[in-house]
Each structure stands twice: as structure tokens, then as C-alpha cells.
Amino acid sequence: MRRTRDYTPLHAALWRLLDAHARGADRAIRTADIGLILRVDERVVRQLAAELVRCHGRPIGSSTGRPPGLYVIVTAAERAAVIKQLEGRLRETYRRLKAFKDVTARELVSQLELDLG
């Protein structure tokens, strides 16, 4: 696991908030609400959460269900649900990448044919 990103005061603030108020998926907090509390944009909240997981090993999950938002993973079932969600995103991203490469290759061949024709 890469642990290269500095642990900033914002990382600490987000972790304290989640650890105190969002332990478990049923207590998830919307990223917009977290942004208001921390006075940062939602995108910054998502970036901080990703860095807390990736660089600092914090067990943070995200939910699109009810309630939607970020939470501290506290059960094996929540961990399994997050893994399943991430694997699904990975598969969809791979399919999009493959389709993009296929389309791009066809377009390049077509353009070459036009240029040479």
C-alpha cells in the first residue's frame, strides 16, 4: 500500500468527523454535507477520503444507497459491499476503455484511408 501523501489537517478533520458520526453504512454522511462542515468542495472531500484509504489505510466506504455518503467500515459485510462496488466500477471502466480503444483504432484507420486515398 502506498503511503506517500502527507496526512494534512483536512485529512485529520475528515477522519475525526467520520469516526465520530459515521461509523457504519447506516450512518453515512453525504459528501455535500461534509463539504459544508469542512468548508471545502465535494470533490475535495472525495479526494481526501480516497487518500485516507489509499495512503493512510483508513477503512472508509461510500454508499449510493440510503443514506448516501461516506462512512467508516465497521463490519465484514460492509467491507465486502465496498469491494463488490469497486470491482463493479473497475469492470465498467475497463469496458469503457476497451470500447474507446476500439473506436479510436477504427477512426485512425478510417482517417489513414482517407488521407492516403
PDB file of N, CA and C in Angstrom:
ATOM      1  N   MET A   1       0.840  -1.179   0.000  1.00  0.00           N
ATOM      2  CA  MET A   1       0.000   0.000   0.000  1.00  0.00           C
ATOM      3  C   MET A   1       0.885   1.243   0.000  1.00  0.00           C
ATOM      4  N   ARG A   2       0.619   2.156  -0.922  1.00  0.00           N
ATOM      5  CA  ARG A   2       1.398   3.391  -0.964  1.00  0.00           C
ATOM      6  C   ARG A   2       0.957   4.314   0.153  1.00  0.00           C
ATOM      7  N   ARG A   3       1.905   4.818   0.875  1.00  0.00           N
ATOM      8  CA  ARG A   3       1.610   5.757   1.957  1.00  0.00           C
ATOM      9  C   ARG A   3       2.499   6.975   1.788  1.00  0.00           C
ATOM     10  N   THR A   4       2.295   7.673   0.691  1.00  0.00           N
ATOM     11  CA  THR A   4       3.191   8.777   0.378  1.00  0.00           C
ATOM     12  C   THR A   4       2.559  10.149   0.603  1.00  0.00           C
ATOM     13  N   ARG A   5       1.254  10.233   0.600  1.00  0.00           N
ATOM     14  CA  ARG A   5       0.578  11.517   0.756  1.00  0.00           C
ATOM     15  C   ARG A   5       0.641  11.958   2.210  1.00  0.00           C
ATOM     16  N   ASP A   6       1.016  13.209   2.437  1.00  0.00           N
ATOM     17  CA  ASP A   6       1.066  13.739   3.794  1.00  0.00           C
ATOM     18  C   ASP A   6      -0.311  13.712   4.435  1.00  0.00           C
ATOM     19  N   TYR A   7      -0.348  13.495   5.723  1.00  0.00           N
ATOM     20  CA  TYR A   7      -1.577  13.498   6.499  1.00  0.00           C
ATOM     21  C   TYR A   7      -1.806  14.934   6.952  1.00  0.00           C
ATOM     22  N   THR A   8      -2.676  15.624   6.248  1.00  0.00           N
ATOM     23  CA  THR A   8      -2.900  17.049   6.477  1.00  0.00           C
ATOM     24  C   THR A   8      -3.972  17.278   7.538  1.00  0.00           C
ATOM     25  N   PRO A   9      -4.106  18.512   8.013  1.00  0.00           N
ATOM     26  CA  PRO A   9      -5.202  18.824   8.944  1.00  0.00           C
ATOM     27  C   PRO A   9      -6.585  18.504   8.359  1.00  0.00           C
ATOM     28  N   LEU A  10      -6.754  18.653   7.045  1.00  0.00           N
ATOM     29  CA  LEU A  10      -8.040  18.303   6.438  1.00  0.00           C
ATOM     30  C   LEU A  10      -8.288  16.800   6.468  1.00  0.00           C
ATOM     31  N   HIS A  11      -7.248  16.010   6.232  1.00  0.00           N
ATOM     32  CA  HIS A  11      -7.388  14.560   6.360  1.00  0.00           C
ATOM     33  C   HIS A  11      -7.824  14.218   7.789  1.00  0.00           C
ATOM     34  N   ALA A  12      -7.155  14.822   8.745  1.00  0.00           N
ATOM     35  CA  ALA A  12      -7.466  14.556  10.153  1.00  0.00           C
ATOM     36  C   ALA A  12      -8.889  14.979  10.485  1.00  0.00           C
ATOM     37  N   ALA A  13      -9.314  16.122   9.982  1.00  0.00           N
ATOM     38  CA  ALA A  13     -10.665  16.617  10.261  1.00  0.00           C
ATOM     39  C   ALA A  13     -11.716  15.681   9.671  1.00  0.00           C
ATOM     40  N   LEU A  14     -11.494  15.224   8.446  1.00  0.00           N
ATOM     41  CA  LEU A  14     -12.444  14.311   7.823  1.00  0.00           C
ATOM     42  C   LEU A  14     -12.503  13.005   8.607  1.00  0.00           C
ATOM     43  N   TRP A  15     -11.352  12.457   8.969  1.00  0.00           N
ATOM     44  CA  TRP A  15     -11.353  11.201   9.710  1.00  0.00           C
ATOM     45  C   TRP A  15     -12.056  11.360  11.060  1.00  0.00           C
ATOM     46  N   ARG A  16     -11.786  12.438  11.772  1.00  0.00           N
ATOM     47  CA  ARG A  16     -12.440  12.661  13.073  1.00  0.00           C
ATOM     48  C   ARG A  16     -13.961  12.741  12.914  1.00  0.00           C
ATOM     49  N   LEU A  17     -14.408  13.453  11.880  1.00  0.00           N
ATOM     50  CA  LEU A  17     -15.839  13.597  11.627  1.00  0.00           C
ATOM     51  C   LEU A  17     -16.486  12.241  11.354  1.00  0.00           C
ATOM     52  N   LEU A  18     -15.890  11.476  10.439  1.00  0.00           N
ATOM     53  CA  LEU A  18     -16.456  10.175  10.098  1.00  0.00           C
ATOM     54  C   LEU A  18     -16.400   9.219  11.283  1.00  0.00           C
ATOM     55  N   ASP A  19     -15.279   9.187  11.988  1.00  0.00           N
ATOM     56  CA  ASP A  19     -15.117   8.275  13.117  1.00  0.00           C
ATOM     57  C   ASP A  19     -16.105   8.585  14.237  1.00  0.00           C
ATOM     58  N   ALA A  20     -16.427   9.844  14.408  1.00  0.00           N
ATOM     59  CA  ALA A  20     -17.338  10.248  15.480  1.00  0.00           C
ATOM     60  C   ALA A  20     -18.810  10.111  15.089  1.00  0.00           C
ATOM     61  N   HIS A  21     -19.135  10.318  13.819  1.00  0.00           N
ATOM     62  CA  HIS A  21     -20.549  10.428  13.433  1.00  0.00           C
ATOM     63  C   HIS A  21     -21.008   9.469  12.338  1.00  0.00           C
ATOM     64  N   ALA A  22     -20.098   8.736  11.716  1.00  0.00           N
ATOM     65  CA  ALA A  22     -20.489   7.895  10.584  1.00  0.00           C
ATOM     66  C   ALA A  22     -19.851   6.515  10.661  1.00  0.00           C
ATOM     67  N   ARG A  23     -19.986   5.885  11.808  1.00  0.00           N
ATOM     68  CA  ARG A  23     -19.465   4.516  11.955  1.00  0.00           C
ATOM     69  C   ARG A  23     -20.542   3.551  11.488  1.00  0.00           C
ATOM     70  N   GLY A  24     -20.330   2.973  10.306  1.00  0.00           N
ATOM     71  CA  GLY A  24     -21.292   2.052   9.734  1.00  0.00           C
ATOM     72  C   GLY A  24     -22.051   2.686   8.580  1.00  0.00           C
ATOM     73  N   ALA A  25     -22.411   1.859   7.601  1.00  0.00           N
ATOM     74  CA  ALA A  25     -23.079   2.345   6.390  1.00  0.00           C
ATOM     75  C   ALA A  25     -24.412   3.004   6.690  1.00  0.00           C
ATOM     76  N   ASP A  26     -25.076   2.562   7.755  1.00  0.00           N
ATOM     77  CA  ASP A  26     -26.377   3.140   8.094  1.00  0.00           C
ATOM     78  C   ASP A  26     -26.260   4.552   8.664  1.00  0.00           C
ATOM     79  N   ARG A  27     -25.035   5.024   8.880  1.00  0.00           N
ATOM     80  CA  ARG A  27     -24.818   6.375   9.397  1.00  0.00           C
ATOM     81  C   ARG A  27     -23.987   7.232   8.426  1.00  0.00           C
ATOM     82  N   ALA A  28     -23.968   6.842   7.163  1.00  0.00           N
ATOM     83  CA  ALA A  28     -23.190   7.570   6.151  1.00  0.00           C
ATOM     84  C   ALA A  28     -23.604   9.042   6.118  1.00  0.00           C
ATOM     85  N   ILE A  29     -22.635   9.891   5.796  1.00  0.00           N
ATOM     86  CA  ILE A  29     -22.873  11.337   5.697  1.00  0.00           C
ATOM     87  C   ILE A  29     -22.610  11.766   4.262  1.00  0.00           C
ATOM     88  N   ARG A  30     -23.544  12.511   3.700  1.00  0.00           N
ATOM     89  CA  ARG A  30     -23.411  12.980   2.316  1.00  0.00           C
ATOM     90  C   ARG A  30     -22.145  13.823   2.150  1.00  0.00           C
ATOM     91  N   THR A  31     -21.466  13.654   1.012  1.00  0.00           N
ATOM     92  CA  THR A  31     -20.239  14.416   0.764  1.00  0.00           C
ATOM     93  C   THR A  31     -20.524  15.915   0.717  1.00  0.00           C
ATOM     94  N   ALA A  32     -21.700  16.309   0.247  1.00  0.00           N
ATOM     95  CA  ALA A  32     -22.051  17.740   0.223  1.00  0.00           C
ATOM     96  C   ALA A  32     -22.105  18.292   1.648  1.00  0.00           C
ATOM     97  N   ASP A  33     -22.685  17.520   2.562  1.00  0.00           N
ATOM     98  CA  ASP A  33     -22.766  17.963   3.961  1.00  0.00           C
ATOM     99  C   ASP A  33     -21.381  18.026   4.597  1.00  0.00           C
ATOM    100  N   ILE A  34     -20.551  17.039   4.289  1.00  0.00           N
ATOM    101  CA  ILE A  34     -19.184  17.055   4.816  1.00  0.00           C
ATOM    102  C   ILE A  34     -18.450  18.280   4.287  1.00  0.00           C
ATOM    103  N   GLY A  35     -18.637  18.574   3.004  1.00  0.00           N
ATOM    104  CA  GLY A  35     -18.010  19.749   2.412  1.00  0.00           C
ATOM    105  C   GLY A  35     -18.403  21.027   3.133  1.00  0.00           C
ATOM    106  N   LEU A  36     -19.684  21.146   3.475  1.00  0.00           N
ATOM    107  CA  LEU A  36     -20.140  22.335   4.207  1.00  0.00           C
ATOM    108  C   LEU A  36     -19.483  22.423   5.579  1.00  0.00           C
ATOM    109  N   ILE A  37     -19.402  21.283   6.250  1.00  0.00           N
ATOM    110  CA  ILE A  37     -18.803  21.256   7.587  1.00  0.00           C
ATOM    111  C   ILE A  37     -17.317  21.614   7.531  1.00  0.00           C
ATOM    112  N   LEU A  38     -16.596  21.025   6.545  1.00  0.00           N
ATOM    113  CA  LEU A  38     -15.151  21.262   6.444  1.00  0.00           C
ATOM    114  C   LEU A  38     -14.809  22.520   5.637  1.00  0.00           C
ATOM    115  N   ARG A  39     -15.849  23.107   5.020  1.00  0.00           N
ATOM    116  CA  ARG A  39     -15.686  24.300   4.184  1.00  0.00           C
ATOM    117  C   ARG A  39     -14.781  24.053   2.976  1.00  0.00           C
ATOM    118  N   VAL A  40     -15.049  22.908   2.312  1.00  0.00           N
ATOM    119  CA  VAL A  40     -14.342  22.564   1.082  1.00  0.00           C
ATOM    120  C   VAL A  40     -15.361  22.037   0.078  1.00  0.00           C
ATOM    121  N   ASP A  41     -14.979  22.007  -1.174  1.00  0.00           N
ATOM    122  CA  ASP A  41     -15.820  21.478  -2.240  1.00  0.00           C
ATOM    123  C   ASP A  41     -15.991  19.968  -2.083  1.00  0.00           C
ATOM    124  N   GLU A  42     -17.120  19.441  -2.578  1.00  0.00           N
ATOM    125  CA  GLU A  42     -17.375  17.993  -2.535  1.00  0.00           C
ATOM    126  C   GLU A  42     -16.254  17.183  -3.166  1.00  0.00           C
ATOM    127  N   ARG A  43     -15.685  17.708  -4.261  1.00  0.00           N
ATOM    128  CA  ARG A  43     -14.597  16.987  -4.928  1.00  0.00           C
ATOM    129  C   ARG A  43     -13.399  16.836  -4.011  1.00  0.00           C
ATOM    130  N   VAL A  44     -13.148  17.850  -3.200  1.00  0.00           N
ATOM    131  CA  VAL A  44     -12.036  17.780  -2.240  1.00  0.00           C
ATOM    132  C   VAL A  44     -12.338  16.718  -1.190  1.00  0.00           C
ATOM    133  N   VAL A  45     -13.595  16.645  -0.747  1.00  0.00           N
ATOM    134  CA  VAL A  45     -13.986  15.625   0.226  1.00  0.00           C
ATOM    135  C   VAL A  45     -13.715  14.231  -0.338  1.00  0.00           C
ATOM    136  N   ARG A  46     -14.134  13.997  -1.587  1.00  0.00           N
ATOM    137  CA  ARG A  46     -13.919  12.683  -2.207  1.00  0.00           C
ATOM    138  C   ARG A  46     -12.424  12.382  -2.353  1.00  0.00           C
ATOM    139  N   GLN A  47     -11.650  13.399  -2.725  1.00  0.00           N
ATOM    140  CA  GLN A  47     -10.199  13.214  -2.860  1.00  0.00           C
ATOM    141  C   GLN A  47      -9.568  12.889  -1.505  1.00  0.00           C
ATOM    142  N   LEU A  48      -9.949  13.616  -0.485  1.00  0.00           N
ATOM    143  CA  LEU A  48      -9.415  13.361   0.857  1.00  0.00           C
ATOM    144  C   LEU A  48      -9.758  11.954   1.323  1.00  0.00           C
ATOM    145  N   ALA A  49     -11.011  11.536   1.095  1.00  0.00           N
ATOM    146  CA  ALA A  49     -11.438  10.198   1.504  1.00  0.00           C
ATOM    147  C   ALA A  49     -10.628   9.139   0.765  1.00  0.00           C
ATOM    148  N   ALA A  50     -10.438   9.328  -0.534  1.00  0.00           N
ATOM    149  CA  ALA A  50      -9.655   8.365  -1.315  1.00  0.00           C
ATOM    150  C   ALA A  50      -8.225   8.289  -0.801  1.00  0.00           C
ATOM    151  N   GLU A  51      -7.643   9.427  -0.461  1.00  0.00           N
ATOM    152  CA  GLU A  51      -6.274   9.439   0.060  1.00  0.00           C
ATOM    153  C   GLU A  51      -6.199   8.795   1.440  1.00  0.00           C
ATOM    154  N   LEU A  52      -7.230   9.002   2.256  1.00  0.00           N
ATOM    155  CA  LEU A  52      -7.239   8.357   3.569  1.00  0.00           C
ATOM    156  C   LEU A  52      -7.242   6.835   3.428  1.00  0.00           C
ATOM    157  N   VAL A  53      -7.955   6.329   2.436  1.00  0.00           N
ATOM    158  CA  VAL A  53      -7.976   4.885   2.197  1.00  0.00           C
ATOM    159  C   VAL A  53      -6.648   4.430   1.601  1.00  0.00           C
ATOM    160  N   ARG A  54      -6.277   5.064   0.486  1.00  0.00           N
ATOM    161  CA  ARG A  54      -5.125   4.618  -0.309  1.00  0.00           C
ATOM    162  C   ARG A  54      -3.792   4.855   0.389  1.00  0.00           C
ATOM    163  N   CYS A  55      -3.626   5.993   1.001  1.00  0.00           N
ATOM    164  CA  CYS A  55      -2.318   6.380   1.547  1.00  0.00           C
ATOM    165  C   CYS A  55      -2.188   6.169   3.053  1.00  0.00           C
ATOM    166  N   HIS A  56      -3.319   6.116   3.734  1.00  0.00           N
ATOM    167  CA  HIS A  56      -3.248   6.054   5.194  1.00  0.00           C
ATOM    168  C   HIS A  56      -3.987   4.865   5.795  1.00  0.00           C
ATOM    169  N   GLY A  57      -4.525   3.998   4.916  1.00  0.00           N
ATOM    170  CA  GLY A  57      -5.117   2.752   5.372  1.00  0.00           C
ATOM    171  C   GLY A  57      -6.393   2.877   6.183  1.00  0.00           C
ATOM    172  N   ARG A  58      -7.102   3.982   6.059  1.00  0.00           N
ATOM    173  CA  ARG A  58      -8.348   4.158   6.811  1.00  0.00           C
ATOM    174  C   ARG A  58      -9.489   3.413   6.120  1.00  0.00           C
ATOM    175  N   PRO A  59     -10.333   2.719   6.888  1.00  0.00           N
ATOM    176  CA  PRO A  59     -11.426   1.937   6.300  1.00  0.00           C
ATOM    177  C   PRO A  59     -12.663   2.784   6.016  1.00  0.00           C
ATOM    178  N   ILE A  60     -12.622   3.525   4.929  1.00  0.00           N
ATOM    179  CA  ILE A  60     -13.742   4.403   4.574  1.00  0.00           C
ATOM    180  C   ILE A  60     -14.472   3.818   3.380  1.00  0.00           C
ATOM    181  N   GLY A  61     -15.781   3.717   3.508  1.00  0.00           N
ATOM    182  CA  GLY A  61     -16.617   3.240   2.425  1.00  0.00           C
ATOM    183  C   GLY A  61     -17.495   4.362   1.915  1.00  0.00           C
ATOM    184  N   SER A  62     -18.066   4.133   0.748  1.00  0.00           N
ATOM    185  CA  SER A  62     -19.038   5.093   0.220  1.00  0.00           C
ATOM    186  C   SER A  62     -20.279   4.319  -0.184  1.00  0.00           C
ATOM    187  N   SER A  63     -21.401   4.968  -0.039  1.00  0.00           N
ATOM    188  CA  SER A  63     -22.672   4.331  -0.331  1.00  0.00           C
ATOM    189  C   SER A  63     -23.500   5.229  -1.228  1.00  0.00           C
ATOM    190  N   THR A  64     -24.174   4.608  -2.200  1.00  0.00           N
ATOM    191  CA  THR A  64     -25.119   5.358  -3.033  1.00  0.00           C
ATOM    192  C   THR A  64     -26.547   5.058  -2.591  1.00  0.00           C
ATOM    193  N   GLY A  65     -26.671   4.158  -1.613  1.00  0.00           N
ATOM    194  CA  GLY A  65     -27.991   3.785  -1.101  1.00  0.00           C
ATOM    195  C   GLY A  65     -28.502   4.787  -0.087  1.00  0.00           C
ATOM    196  N   ARG A  66     -29.299   4.299   0.818  1.00  0.00           N
ATOM    197  CA  ARG A  66     -29.855   5.166   1.858  1.00  0.00           C
ATOM    198  C   ARG A  66     -29.233   4.812   3.196  1.00  0.00           C
ATOM    199  N   PRO A  67     -28.590   5.735   3.852  1.00  0.00           N
ATOM    200  CA  PRO A  67     -28.263   7.077   3.369  1.00  0.00           C
ATOM    201  C   PRO A  67     -27.032   7.051   2.458  1.00  0.00           C
ATOM    202  N   PRO A  68     -27.003   7.944   1.484  1.00  0.00           N
ATOM    203  CA  PRO A  68     -25.818   8.014   0.619  1.00  0.00           C
ATOM    204  C   PRO A  68     -24.697   8.774   1.323  1.00  0.00           C
ATOM    205  N   GLY A  69     -23.454   8.465   0.974  1.00  0.00           N
ATOM    206  CA  GLY A  69     -22.348   9.231   1.524  1.00  0.00           C
ATOM    207  C   GLY A  69     -21.180   8.373   1.953  1.00  0.00           C
ATOM    208  N   LEU A  70     -20.358   8.954   2.806  1.00  0.00           N
ATOM    209  CA  LEU A  70     -19.142   8.308   3.301  1.00  0.00           C
ATOM    210  C   LEU A  70     -19.373   7.803   4.716  1.00  0.00           C
ATOM    211  N   TYR A  71     -18.659   6.722   5.056  1.00  0.00           N
ATOM    212  CA  TYR A  71     -18.783   6.165   6.393  1.00  0.00           C
ATOM    213  C   TYR A  71     -17.539   5.350   6.722  1.00  0.00           C
ATOM    214  N   VAL A  72     -17.356   5.067   7.996  1.00  0.00           N
ATOM    215  CA  VAL A  72     -16.278   4.195   8.447  1.00  0.00           C
ATOM    216  C   VAL A  72     -16.799   2.759   8.393  1.00  0.00           C
ATOM    217  N   ILE A  73     -16.081   1.907   7.691  1.00  0.00           N
ATOM    218  CA  ILE A  73     -16.455   0.499   7.572  1.00  0.00           C
ATOM    219  C   ILE A  73     -16.220  -0.172   8.931  1.00  0.00           C
ATOM    220  N   VAL A  74     -17.276  -0.807   9.454  1.00  0.00           N
ATOM    221  CA  VAL A  74     -17.139  -1.436  10.769  1.00  0.00           C
ATOM    222  C   VAL A  74     -17.461  -2.928  10.767  1.00  0.00           C
ATOM    223  N   THR A  75     -17.999  -3.460   9.666  1.00  0.00           N
ATOM    224  CA  THR A  75     -18.325  -4.891   9.624  1.00  0.00           C
ATOM    225  C   THR A  75     -17.724  -5.536   8.382  1.00  0.00           C
ATOM    226  N   ALA A  76     -17.606  -6.840   8.439  1.00  0.00           N
ATOM    227  CA  ALA A  76     -17.116  -7.587   7.273  1.00  0.00           C
ATOM    228  C   ALA A  76     -18.078  -7.444   6.096  1.00  0.00           C
ATOM    229  N   ALA A  77     -19.373  -7.377   6.382  1.00  0.00           N
ATOM    230  CA  ALA A  77     -20.368  -7.226   5.307  1.00  0.00           C
ATOM    231  C   ALA A  77     -20.202  -5.887   4.600  1.00  0.00           C
ATOM    232  N   GLU A  78     -19.924  -4.832   5.355  1.00  0.00           N
ATOM    233  CA  GLU A  78     -19.700  -3.510   4.734  1.00  0.00           C
ATOM    234  C   GLU A  78     -18.440  -3.539   3.887  1.00  0.00           C
ATOM    235  N   ARG A  79     -17.401  -4.169   4.399  1.00  0.00           N
ATOM    236  CA  ARG A  79     -16.154  -4.283   3.634  1.00  0.00           C
ATOM    237  C   ARG A  79     -16.398  -5.037   2.336  1.00  0.00           C
ATOM    238  N   ALA A  80     -17.136  -6.143   2.404  1.00  0.00           N
ATOM    239  CA  ALA A  80     -17.449  -6.934   1.212  1.00  0.00           C
ATOM    240  C   ALA A  80     -18.277  -6.112   0.220  1.00  0.00           C
ATOM    241  N   ALA A  81     -19.212  -5.321   0.720  1.00  0.00           N
ATOM    242  CA  ALA A  81     -20.047  -4.488  -0.159  1.00  0.00           C
ATOM    243  C   ALA A  81     -19.208  -3.435  -0.876  1.00  0.00           C
ATOM    244  N   VAL A  82     -18.251  -2.835  -0.166  1.00  0.00           N
ATOM    245  CA  VAL A  82     -17.381  -1.837  -0.784  1.00  0.00           C
ATOM    246  C   VAL A  82     -16.503  -2.493  -1.845  1.00  0.00           C
ATOM    247  N   ILE A  83     -15.963  -3.653  -1.547  1.00  0.00           N
ATOM    248  CA  ILE A  83     -15.137  -4.367  -2.528  1.00  0.00           C
ATOM    249  C   ILE A  83     -15.955  -4.697  -3.769  1.00  0.00           C
ATOM    250  N   LYS A  84     -17.169  -5.189  -3.580  1.00  0.00           N
ATOM    251  CA  LYS A  84     -18.040  -5.517  -4.712  1.00  0.00           C
ATOM    252  C   LYS A  84     -18.328  -4.272  -5.556  1.00  0.00           C
ATOM    253  N   GLN A  85     -18.612  -3.161  -4.898  1.00  0.00           N
ATOM    254  CA  GLN A  85     -18.879  -1.905  -5.596  1.00  0.00           C
ATOM    255  C   GLN A  85     -17.654  -1.460  -6.404  1.00  0.00           C
ATOM    256  N   LEU A  86     -16.483  -1.532  -5.807  1.00  0.00           N
ATOM    257  CA  LEU A  86     -15.257  -1.128  -6.505  1.00  0.00           C
ATOM    258  C   LEU A  86     -14.945  -2.046  -7.678  1.00  0.00           C
ATOM    259  N   GLU A  87     -15.154  -3.354  -7.491  1.00  0.00           N
ATOM    260  CA  GLU A  87     -14.931  -4.290  -8.590  1.00  0.00           C
ATOM    261  C   GLU A  87     -15.884  -4.010  -9.748  1.00  0.00           C
ATOM    262  N   GLY A  88     -17.125  -3.660  -9.447  1.00  0.00           N
ATOM    263  CA  GLY A  88     -18.084  -3.308 -10.490  1.00  0.00           C
ATOM    264  C   GLY A  88     -17.650  -2.071 -11.255  1.00  0.00           C
ATOM    265  N   ARG A  89     -17.185  -1.070 -10.526  1.00  0.00           N
ATOM    266  CA  ARG A  89     -16.687   0.151 -11.179  1.00  0.00           C
ATOM    267  C   ARG A  89     -15.485  -0.165 -12.057  1.00  0.00           C
ATOM    268  N   LEU A  90     -14.613  -1.029 -11.561  1.00  0.00           N
ATOM    269  CA  LEU A  90     -13.422  -1.405 -12.319  1.00  0.00           C
ATOM    270  C   LEU A  90     -13.805  -2.101 -13.623  1.00  0.00           C
ATOM    271  N   ARG A  91     -14.762  -3.032 -13.539  1.00  0.00           N
ATOM    272  CA  ARG A  91     -15.215  -3.722 -14.761  1.00  0.00           C
ATOM    273  C   ARG A  91     -15.811  -2.730 -15.757  1.00  0.00           C
ATOM    274  N   GLU A  92     -16.640  -1.809 -15.283  1.00  0.00           N
ATOM    275  CA  GLU A  92     -17.260  -0.829 -16.175  1.00  0.00           C
ATOM    276  C   GLU A  92     -16.204   0.092 -16.779  1.00  0.00           C
ATOM    277  N   THR A  93     -15.232   0.501 -15.994  1.00  0.00           N
ATOM    278  CA  THR A  93     -14.152   1.340 -16.512  1.00  0.00           C
ATOM    279  C   THR A  93     -13.365   0.594 -17.579  1.00  0.00           C
ATOM    280  N   TYR A  94     -13.096  -0.690 -17.347  1.00  0.00           N
ATOM    281  CA  TYR A  94     -12.368  -1.496 -18.340  1.00  0.00           C
ATOM    282  C   TYR A  94     -13.172  -1.584 -19.636  1.00  0.00           C
ATOM    283  N   ARG A  95     -14.482  -1.815 -19.530  1.00  0.00           N
ATOM    284  CA  ARG A  95     -15.321  -1.897 -20.738  1.00  0.00           C
ATOM    285  C   ARG A  95     -15.303  -0.581 -21.507  1.00  0.00           C
ATOM    286  N   ARG A  96     -15.375   0.523 -20.794  1.00  0.00           N
ATOM    287  CA  ARG A  96     -15.321   1.838 -21.456  1.00  0.00           C
ATOM    288  C   ARG A  96     -13.975   2.051 -22.122  1.00  0.00           C
ATOM    289  N   LEU A  97     -12.889   1.671 -21.445  1.00  0.00           N
ATOM    290  CA  LEU A  97     -11.553   1.812 -22.008  1.00  0.00           C
ATOM    291  C   LEU A  97     -11.409   0.981 -23.269  1.00  0.00           C
ATOM    292  N   LYS A  98     -11.861  -0.262 -23.212  1.00  0.00           N
ATOM    293  CA  LYS A  98     -11.780  -1.149 -24.377  1.00  0.00           C
ATOM    294  C   LYS A  98     -12.584  -0.577 -25.540  1.00  0.00           C
ATOM    295  N   ALA A  99     -13.793  -0.110 -25.271  1.00  0.00           N
ATOM    296  CA  ALA A  99     -14.618   0.473 -26.331  1.00  0.00           C
ATOM    297  C   ALA A  99     -13.948   1.708 -26.915  1.00  0.00           C
ATOM    298  N   PHE A 100     -13.369   2.522 -26.059  1.00  0.00           N
ATOM    299  CA  PHE A 100     -12.690   3.729 -26.526  1.00  0.00           C
ATOM    300  C   PHE A 100     -11.502   3.373 -27.413  1.00  0.00           C
ATOM    301  N   LYS A 101     -10.718   2.389 -26.990  1.00  0.00           N
ATOM    302  CA  LYS A 101      -9.568   1.975 -27.794  1.00  0.00           C
ATOM    303  C   LYS A 101     -10.020   1.412 -29.134  1.00  0.00           C
ATOM    304  N   ASP A 102     -11.091   0.596 -29.132  1.00  0.00           N
ATOM    305  CA  ASP A 102     -11.604   0.022 -30.376  1.00  0.00           C
ATOM    306  C   ASP A 102     -12.085   1.115 -31.319  1.00  0.00           C
ATOM    307  N   VAL A 103     -12.853   2.056 -30.801  1.00  0.00           N
ATOM    308  CA  VAL A 103     -13.370   3.149 -31.631  1.00  0.00           C
ATOM    309  C   VAL A 103     -12.219   3.997 -32.144  1.00  0.00           C
ATOM    310  N   THR A 104     -11.287   4.307 -31.260  1.00  0.00           N
ATOM    311  CA  THR A 104     -10.154   5.138 -31.660  1.00  0.00           C
ATOM    312  C   THR A 104      -9.343   4.456 -32.755  1.00  0.00           C
ATOM    313  N   ALA A 105      -9.108   3.145 -32.638  1.00  0.00           N
ATOM    314  CA  ALA A 105      -8.350   2.422 -33.656  1.00  0.00           C
ATOM    315  C   ALA A 105      -9.083   2.456 -34.995  1.00  0.00           C
ATOM    316  N   ARG A 106     -10.404   2.223 -34.958  1.00  0.00           N
ATOM    317  CA  ARG A 106     -11.181   2.262 -36.205  1.00  0.00           C
ATOM    318  C   ARG A 106     -11.133   3.652 -36.836  1.00  0.00           C
ATOM    319  N   GLU A 107     -11.261   4.680 -36.000  1.00  0.00           N
ATOM    320  CA  GLU A 107     -11.216   6.048 -36.518  1.00  0.00           C
ATOM    321  C   GLU A 107      -9.866   6.366 -37.137  1.00  0.00           C
ATOM    322  N   LEU A 108      -8.786   5.895 -36.501  1.00  0.00           N
ATOM    323  CA  LEU A 108      -7.451   6.134 -37.044  1.00  0.00           C
ATOM    324  C   LEU A 108      -7.280   5.457 -38.401  1.00  0.00           C
ATOM    325  N   VAL A 109      -7.743   4.221 -38.506  1.00  0.00           N
ATOM    326  CA  VAL A 109      -7.651   3.501 -39.784  1.00  0.00           C
ATOM    327  C   VAL A 109      -8.468   4.225 -40.843  1.00  0.00           C
ATOM    328  N   SER A 110      -9.667   4.631 -40.500  1.00  0.00           N
ATOM    329  CA  SER A 110     -10.512   5.360 -41.459  1.00  0.00           C
ATOM    330  C   SER A 110      -9.852   6.651 -41.906  1.00  0.00           C
ATOM    331  N   GLN A 111      -9.261   7.353 -40.944  1.00  0.00           N
ATOM    332  CA  GLN A 111      -8.600   8.628 -41.298  1.00  0.00           C
ATOM    333  C   GLN A 111      -7.403   8.378 -42.193  1.00  0.00           C
ATOM    334  N   LEU A 112      -6.626   7.330 -41.906  1.00  0.00           N
ATOM    335  CA  LEU A 112      -5.482   6.989 -42.747  1.00  0.00           C
ATOM    336  C   LEU A 112      -5.933   6.645 -44.165  1.00  0.00           C
ATOM    337  N   GLU A 113      -7.032   5.901 -44.259  1.00  0.00           N
ATOM    338  CA  GLU A 113      -7.554   5.550 -45.572  1.00  0.00           C
ATOM    339  C   GLU A 113      -7.969   6.803 -46.340  1.00  0.00           C
ATOM    340  N   LEU A 114      -8.596   7.750 -45.649  1.00  0.00           N
ATOM    341  CA  LEU A 114      -8.977   8.995 -46.297  1.00  0.00           C
ATOM    342  C   LEU A 114      -7.751   9.799 -46.733  1.00  0.00           C
ATOM    343  N   ASP A 115      -6.755   9.856 -45.844  1.00  0.00           N
ATOM    344  CA  ASP A 115      -5.547  10.625 -46.137  1.00  0.00           C
ATOM    345  C   ASP A 115      -4.768  10.024 -47.306  1.00  0.00           C
ATOM    346  N   LEU A 116      -4.753   8.680 -47.366  1.00  0.00           N
ATOM    347  CA  LEU A 116      -3.983   8.001 -48.414  1.00  0.00           C
ATOM    348  C   LEU A 116      -4.787   7.801 -49.696  1.00  0.00           C
ATOM    349  N   GLY A 117      -6.106   7.849 -49.550  1.00  0.00           N
ATOM    350  CA  GLY A 117      -6.979   7.521 -50.681  1.00  0.00           C
ATOM    351  C   GLY A 117      -7.077   8.585 -51.670  1.00  0.00           C
TER     352      GLY A 117
END
